[in-house]
């Protein structure tokens, strides 16, 4: 009689092995293949990550502290970049009208711009996804009202909406408190002006998802509609939101720079890139070109890199373009 053998139980992979398998699938997948075969995207990613890390660790990587008044010297004002005749090796790309190192000021300014950009995008996502989910799931008069509001807002330029909200919010606070609430006002202004695209996208995806069998089955077994929307539909409509958010980050940074350039942004004591450009604009035609040109170049490079990443992500996640 043949000897019977007892099969060994199959053990589930441990957490580390599962994570390693997920990473292996990612690096073997279409998205990673598309990324590594696009030199422009790789360069854009390197530039974006470099700027983000420099802004995040500004106190560590900055050559000087541009906001420490004890270290500032008026005699260092208007020093040109180091490659010009009167340049100083201490200040690689020169100084501004207060003697602050331009490179350090740009790094700190990038941190302010990115913070406002990220916070306003997050606010737009919360508003847009929430309203879009309600609009697409409920339908009827609720859907009609939200979409009419969205269409009215779309009829005006985004920067005009942001300026209007900014002016109203600033009028609520006394003049002496406006510098303290400048960041919050900017985030609210840019965030509220950018929710429409998220709402329209999520609404369309929600209307498709709510007619599928798994949603109908959830209704049949008595799951509360709010739980159906949040637990079952919401995760399935968030894919396009990531793409929109990436591109919207560049728009938010530009909007912040525009508002700051117009004088309704962050205070000069903690300038963003837009504030630095506005300050440098006063000296642009008097010979001190670097005070405006270098912050403008930093803003352009940041926005271009983020936009290129957003374009790649949109194409990589679209199966029709693979």
Protein backbone atom coordinates (compact mmCIF):
# COMPACT_ATOMS: atom_id res chain seq x y z
CA UNK A 1 0.00 0.00 0.00
CA UNK A 2 1.34 3.39 -0.97
CA UNK A 3 2.26 5.55 1.96
CA UNK A 4 -0.08 8.47 2.41
CA UNK A 5 1.42 11.88 2.98
CA UNK A 6 -0.27 14.72 4.76
CA UNK A 7 0.02 17.98 2.81
CA UNK A 8 1.70 20.78 4.71
CA UNK A 9 -0.48 23.78 5.43
CA UNK A 10 0.22 26.78 3.27
CA UNK A 11 1.31 29.71 5.37
CA UNK A 12 0.18 33.19 4.51
CA UNK A 13 3.02 35.53 3.62
CA UNK A 14 4.22 37.68 6.46
CA UNK A 15 3.78 41.45 6.46
CA UNK A 16 7.30 42.10 5.21
CA UNK A 17 6.96 39.57 2.40
CA UNK A 18 3.59 41.02 1.39
CA UNK A 19 5.02 44.53 1.36
CA UNK A 20 7.99 43.31 -0.66
CA UNK A 21 5.63 41.66 -3.13
CA UNK A 22 3.64 44.87 -3.48
CA UNK A 23 6.82 46.84 -4.14
CA UNK A 24 7.95 44.24 -6.68
CA UNK A 25 4.61 44.46 -8.50
CA UNK A 26 4.89 48.26 -8.52
CA UNK A 27 8.36 48.27 -10.06
CA UNK A 28 7.25 45.68 -12.63
CA UNK A 29 4.04 47.55 -13.42
CA UNK A 30 3.07 49.88 -16.24
CA UNK A 31 3.25 53.06 -14.16
CA UNK A 32 6.89 52.56 -13.12
CA UNK A 33 7.80 51.45 -16.64
CA UNK A 34 6.22 54.61 -18.03
CA UNK A 35 8.06 56.74 -15.46
CA UNK A 36 11.57 55.38 -15.97
CA UNK A 37 11.24 55.53 -19.76
CA UNK A 38 10.33 59.23 -19.74
CA UNK A 39 13.51 61.30 -19.20
CA UNK A 40 11.52 64.54 -18.94
CA UNK A 41 9.36 63.07 -16.17
CA UNK A 42 12.41 61.78 -14.29
CA UNK A 43 14.05 65.22 -14.44
CA UNK A 44 10.79 66.87 -13.34
CA UNK A 45 10.50 64.45 -10.41
CA UNK A 46 14.10 65.09 -9.33
CA UNK A 47 13.59 68.86 -9.51
CA UNK A 48 10.28 68.68 -7.62
CA UNK A 49 11.63 66.44 -4.86
CA UNK A 50 14.75 68.62 -4.52
CA UNK A 51 12.67 71.79 -4.12
CA UNK A 52 10.28 70.08 -1.69
CA UNK A 53 13.13 68.78 0.48
CA UNK A 54 14.96 72.12 0.41
CA UNK A 55 11.77 73.90 1.46
CA UNK A 56 10.99 71.35 4.16
CA UNK A 57 14.48 71.52 5.66
CA UNK A 58 15.04 75.22 4.98
CA UNK A 59 16.66 75.98 8.37
CA UNK A 60 19.22 73.23 7.70
CA UNK A 61 20.07 73.70 4.02
CA UNK A 62 19.91 77.50 3.82
CA UNK A 63 23.35 79.18 3.90
CA UNK A 64 21.95 82.01 6.04
CA UNK A 65 18.89 82.80 8.11
CA UNK A 66 17.24 85.67 6.21
CA UNK A 67 14.87 86.46 9.08
CA UNK A 68 17.43 86.81 11.86
CA UNK A 69 17.77 90.58 12.25
CA UNK A 70 20.94 90.17 14.30
CA UNK A 71 22.73 88.67 11.29
CA UNK A 72 21.62 91.27 8.74
CA UNK A 73 23.96 94.07 7.72
CA UNK A 74 22.77 97.04 5.69
CA UNK A 75 26.24 97.21 4.12
CA UNK A 76 25.49 93.88 2.41
CA UNK A 77 22.45 95.30 0.58
CA UNK A 78 22.18 95.04 -3.22
CA UNK A 79 25.24 92.79 -3.62
CA UNK A 80 25.23 91.21 -7.10
CA UNK A 81 25.68 87.50 -7.81
CA UNK A 82 29.11 86.04 -7.13
CA UNK A 83 30.11 85.90 -10.80
CA UNK A 84 29.81 89.67 -11.22
CA UNK A 85 32.58 92.15 -10.41
CA UNK A 86 31.33 93.24 -6.97
CA UNK A 87 29.98 89.83 -5.96
CA UNK A 88 30.67 88.33 -2.54
CA UNK A 89 31.39 84.58 -2.16
CA UNK A 90 29.15 84.54 0.92
CA UNK A 91 26.10 85.33 -1.23
CA UNK A 92 25.99 83.05 -4.25
CA UNK A 93 23.20 84.84 -6.12
CA UNK A 94 23.41 88.19 -4.37
CA UNK A 95 21.40 89.98 -1.70
CA UNK A 96 18.22 92.06 -1.61
CA UNK A 97 17.56 95.60 -0.40
CA UNK A 98 17.81 94.52 3.25
CA UNK A 99 21.04 92.57 2.91
CA UNK A 100 19.36 89.16 2.99
CA UNK A 101 20.95 86.30 1.06
CA UNK A 102 18.80 85.71 -2.02
CA UNK A 103 19.36 81.95 -2.11
CA UNK A 104 18.27 81.54 1.51
CA UNK A 105 15.32 83.86 0.99
CA UNK A 106 14.16 81.87 -2.04
CA UNK A 107 14.38 78.59 -0.09
CA UNK A 108 12.31 80.02 2.75
CA UNK A 109 9.94 81.64 0.25
CA UNK A 110 9.42 78.30 -1.49
CA UNK A 111 8.42 76.78 1.83
CA UNK A 112 5.76 79.44 2.33
CA UNK A 113 4.43 79.04 -1.22
CA UNK A 114 4.32 75.25 -1.01
CA UNK A 115 2.65 75.27 2.39
CA UNK A 116 -0.11 77.56 1.14
CA UNK A 117 -0.37 75.54 -2.07
CA UNK A 118 -0.72 72.18 -0.32
CA UNK A 119 -3.15 73.49 2.28
CA UNK A 120 -5.38 75.17 -0.30
CA UNK A 121 -5.38 72.04 -2.51
CA UNK A 122 -6.38 69.95 0.51
CA UNK A 123 -9.22 72.36 1.25
CA UNK A 124 -10.36 72.23 -2.39
CA UNK A 125 -10.31 68.42 -2.30
CA UNK A 126 -12.41 68.28 0.88
CA UNK A 127 -14.97 70.75 -0.49
CA UNK A 128 -15.03 69.43 -4.05
CA UNK A 129 -15.08 65.72 -3.27
CA UNK A 130 -17.71 66.19 -0.56
CA UNK A 131 -20.03 68.28 -2.70
CA UNK A 132 -19.45 66.12 -5.78
CA UNK A 133 -20.23 62.95 -3.85
CA UNK A 134 -23.43 64.42 -2.42
CA UNK A 135 -24.45 65.82 -5.80
CA UNK A 136 -23.90 62.59 -7.72
CA UNK A 137 -25.34 60.30 -5.05
CA UNK A 138 -28.44 62.29 -4.12
CA UNK A 139 -29.34 63.74 -7.51
CA UNK A 140 -32.51 65.78 -7.93
CA UNK A 141 -32.71 69.31 -6.54
CA UNK A 142 -29.53 68.91 -4.50
CA UNK A 143 -27.57 67.99 -7.62
CA UNK A 144 -29.11 70.83 -9.61
CA UNK A 145 -28.33 73.42 -6.92
CA UNK A 146 -24.69 72.38 -6.45
CA UNK A 147 -24.04 72.26 -10.19
CA UNK A 148 -25.64 75.69 -10.76
CA UNK A 149 -23.36 77.15 -8.09
CA UNK A 150 -20.39 75.47 -9.76
CA UNK A 151 -21.37 76.84 -13.17
CA UNK A 152 -21.72 80.36 -11.78
CA UNK A 153 -18.25 80.13 -10.23
CA UNK A 154 -16.80 78.77 -13.48
CA UNK A 155 -18.07 81.85 -15.32
CA UNK A 156 -15.49 83.97 -13.45
CA UNK A 157 -11.70 83.66 -13.55
CA UNK A 158 -10.29 81.73 -10.61
CA UNK A 159 -7.97 84.54 -9.57
CA UNK A 160 -10.91 86.98 -9.53
CA UNK A 161 -12.84 84.67 -7.19
CA UNK A 162 -9.76 84.37 -4.98
CA UNK A 163 -9.34 88.16 -4.92
CA UNK A 164 -12.99 88.64 -3.98
CA UNK A 165 -12.85 86.10 -1.15
CA UNK A 166 -9.51 87.51 -0.01
CA UNK A 167 -10.91 91.03 0.15
CA UNK A 168 -14.01 89.97 2.08
CA UNK A 169 -12.01 87.95 4.61
CA UNK A 170 -9.45 90.70 5.12
CA UNK A 171 -12.24 93.19 5.73
CA UNK A 172 -13.45 91.11 8.67
CA UNK A 173 -10.20 91.58 10.62
CA UNK A 174 -8.63 94.82 11.88
CA UNK A 175 -5.57 96.10 10.02
CA UNK A 176 -3.22 95.21 12.87
CA UNK A 177 -4.35 91.55 12.74
CA UNK A 178 -4.20 91.05 8.97
CA UNK A 179 -0.56 89.95 9.01
CA UNK A 180 -1.39 87.26 11.58
CA UNK A 181 -4.23 85.80 9.50
CA UNK A 182 -2.57 86.24 6.09
CA UNK A 183 -1.82 82.53 5.65
CA UNK A 184 -5.32 81.44 6.66
CA UNK A 185 -6.92 84.03 4.38
CA UNK A 186 -4.81 82.92 1.42
CA UNK A 187 -5.58 79.25 2.01
CA UNK A 188 -9.32 79.93 2.24
CA UNK A 189 -9.27 82.20 -0.81
CA UNK A 190 -7.40 79.78 -3.08
CA UNK A 191 -9.06 76.66 -1.65
CA UNK A 192 -12.64 77.88 -2.03
CA UNK A 193 -11.93 79.13 -5.55
CA UNK A 194 -10.67 75.71 -6.72
CA UNK A 195 -13.28 73.15 -5.61
CA UNK A 196 -15.38 73.08 -8.78
CA UNK A 197 -13.22 70.77 -10.89
CA UNK A 198 -13.08 68.18 -8.12
CA UNK A 199 -16.85 68.36 -7.62
CA UNK A 200 -17.68 67.93 -11.30
CA UNK A 201 -15.28 65.01 -11.70
CA UNK A 202 -16.42 63.18 -8.56
CA UNK A 203 -20.08 63.82 -9.40
CA UNK A 204 -19.70 62.15 -12.80
CA UNK A 205 -17.87 59.15 -11.35
CA UNK A 206 -20.41 58.83 -8.53
CA UNK A 207 -23.33 58.76 -10.96
CA UNK A 208 -21.64 55.88 -12.79
CA UNK A 209 -20.86 53.96 -9.59
CA UNK A 210 -24.29 54.32 -7.97
CA UNK A 211 -25.92 52.35 -10.79
CA UNK A 212 -23.60 49.35 -10.41
CA UNK A 213 -24.66 46.06 -8.85
CA UNK A 214 -22.60 46.31 -5.67
CA UNK A 215 -24.31 49.59 -4.75
CA UNK A 216 -27.74 48.15 -5.50
CA UNK A 217 -26.90 45.11 -3.37
CA UNK A 218 -25.83 47.38 -0.50
CA UNK A 219 -29.19 49.15 -0.69
CA UNK A 220 -31.05 45.82 -0.68
CA UNK A 221 -29.37 44.51 2.47
CA UNK A 222 -30.21 47.74 4.29
CA UNK A 223 -26.88 49.58 4.56
CA UNK A 224 -27.39 53.26 5.36
CA UNK A 225 -26.99 55.48 2.26
CA UNK A 226 -24.29 57.56 3.98
CA UNK A 227 -22.22 54.44 4.63
CA UNK A 228 -22.72 53.32 1.04
CA UNK A 229 -21.46 56.66 -0.25
CA UNK A 230 -18.47 56.87 2.09
CA UNK A 231 -17.40 53.24 2.36
CA UNK A 232 -18.21 51.85 -1.08
CA UNK A 233 -18.49 54.65 -3.63
CA UNK A 234 -15.91 57.17 -2.37
CA UNK A 235 -12.84 54.87 -2.68
CA UNK A 236 -13.81 54.07 -6.27
CA UNK A 237 -14.06 57.70 -7.41
CA UNK A 238 -10.80 59.00 -5.91
CA UNK A 239 -8.53 57.94 -8.79
CA UNK A 240 -8.93 61.08 -10.94
CA UNK A 241 -8.68 63.29 -7.84
CA UNK A 242 -4.96 62.51 -7.48
CA UNK A 243 -4.28 63.67 -11.04
CA UNK A 244 -6.33 66.85 -10.59
CA UNK A 245 -4.61 67.59 -7.27
CA UNK A 246 -1.14 67.33 -8.81
CA UNK A 247 -1.96 69.82 -11.54
CA UNK A 248 -3.96 71.98 -9.13
CA UNK A 249 -0.92 72.32 -6.84
CA UNK A 250 0.89 74.24 -9.57
CA UNK A 251 -2.19 76.43 -10.09
CA UNK A 252 -2.43 77.09 -6.35
CA UNK A 253 1.23 78.14 -6.15
CA UNK A 254 0.72 80.50 -9.10
CA UNK A 255 -2.44 81.90 -7.49
CA UNK A 256 -0.58 82.55 -4.23
CA UNK A 257 2.24 84.26 -6.12
CA UNK A 258 -0.27 86.40 -8.01
CA UNK A 259 -2.09 87.48 -4.85
CA UNK A 260 1.19 88.20 -3.07
CA UNK A 261 2.47 90.17 -6.08
CA UNK A 262 -0.69 92.27 -5.93
CA UNK A 263 0.00 93.03 -2.27
CA UNK A 264 -2.75 90.91 -0.69
CA UNK A 265 -0.61 87.89 0.16
CA UNK A 266 1.77 86.98 2.96
CA UNK A 267 3.50 89.84 4.82
CA UNK A 268 6.99 90.98 3.74
CA UNK A 269 8.41 89.78 7.05
CA UNK A 270 7.84 86.15 5.94
CA UNK A 271 7.74 86.46 2.15
CA UNK A 272 6.68 83.83 -0.32
CA UNK A 273 7.99 83.65 -3.88
CA UNK A 274 5.26 86.03 -5.02
CA UNK A 275 6.18 88.58 -2.37
CA UNK A 276 9.86 88.33 -3.33
CA UNK A 277 8.99 89.00 -6.97
CA UNK A 278 6.90 92.02 -5.96
CA UNK A 279 9.76 93.40 -3.84
CA UNK A 280 12.28 92.80 -6.61
CA UNK A 281 10.04 94.41 -9.21
CA UNK A 282 10.77 97.82 -7.63
CA UNK A 283 14.48 97.38 -8.41
CA UNK A 284 14.21 95.54 -11.73
CA UNK A 285 15.03 98.56 -13.91
CA UNK A 286 17.55 100.17 -11.54
CA UNK A 287 20.27 97.56 -12.07
CA UNK A 288 19.45 95.09 -9.26
CA UNK A 289 17.82 92.59 -11.62
CA UNK A 290 18.65 89.51 -9.52
CA UNK A 291 16.21 90.47 -6.74
CA UNK A 292 13.25 89.75 -9.04
CA UNK A 293 14.70 87.40 -11.66
CA UNK A 294 15.87 84.59 -9.38
CA UNK A 295 12.61 84.26 -7.37
CA UNK A 296 10.72 84.37 -10.68
CA UNK A 297 12.94 81.65 -12.12
CA UNK A 298 12.44 79.50 -9.00
CA UNK A 299 8.67 79.89 -9.29
CA UNK A 300 8.70 79.03 -13.00
CA UNK A 301 10.87 75.94 -12.47
CA UNK A 302 8.68 74.70 -9.59
CA UNK A 303 5.43 75.16 -11.50
CA UNK A 304 6.83 73.62 -14.69
CA UNK A 305 8.16 70.55 -12.85
CA UNK A 306 4.88 69.94 -11.00
CA UNK A 307 2.88 70.41 -14.22
CA UNK A 308 5.07 67.90 -16.07
CA UNK A 309 4.54 65.38 -13.27
CA UNK A 310 0.80 65.98 -13.40
CA UNK A 311 0.70 65.48 -17.17
CA UNK A 312 2.66 62.23 -16.88
CA UNK A 313 0.46 60.96 -14.06
CA UNK A 314 -2.68 61.71 -16.07
CA UNK A 315 -1.36 59.73 -19.04
CA UNK A 316 0.07 56.89 -16.94
CA UNK A 317 -3.21 56.27 -15.09
CA UNK A 318 -5.33 56.43 -18.25
CA UNK A 319 -5.56 52.89 -19.69
CA UNK A 320 -6.69 54.26 -23.07
CA UNK A 321 -3.28 55.93 -23.54
CA UNK A 322 -1.14 52.91 -22.67
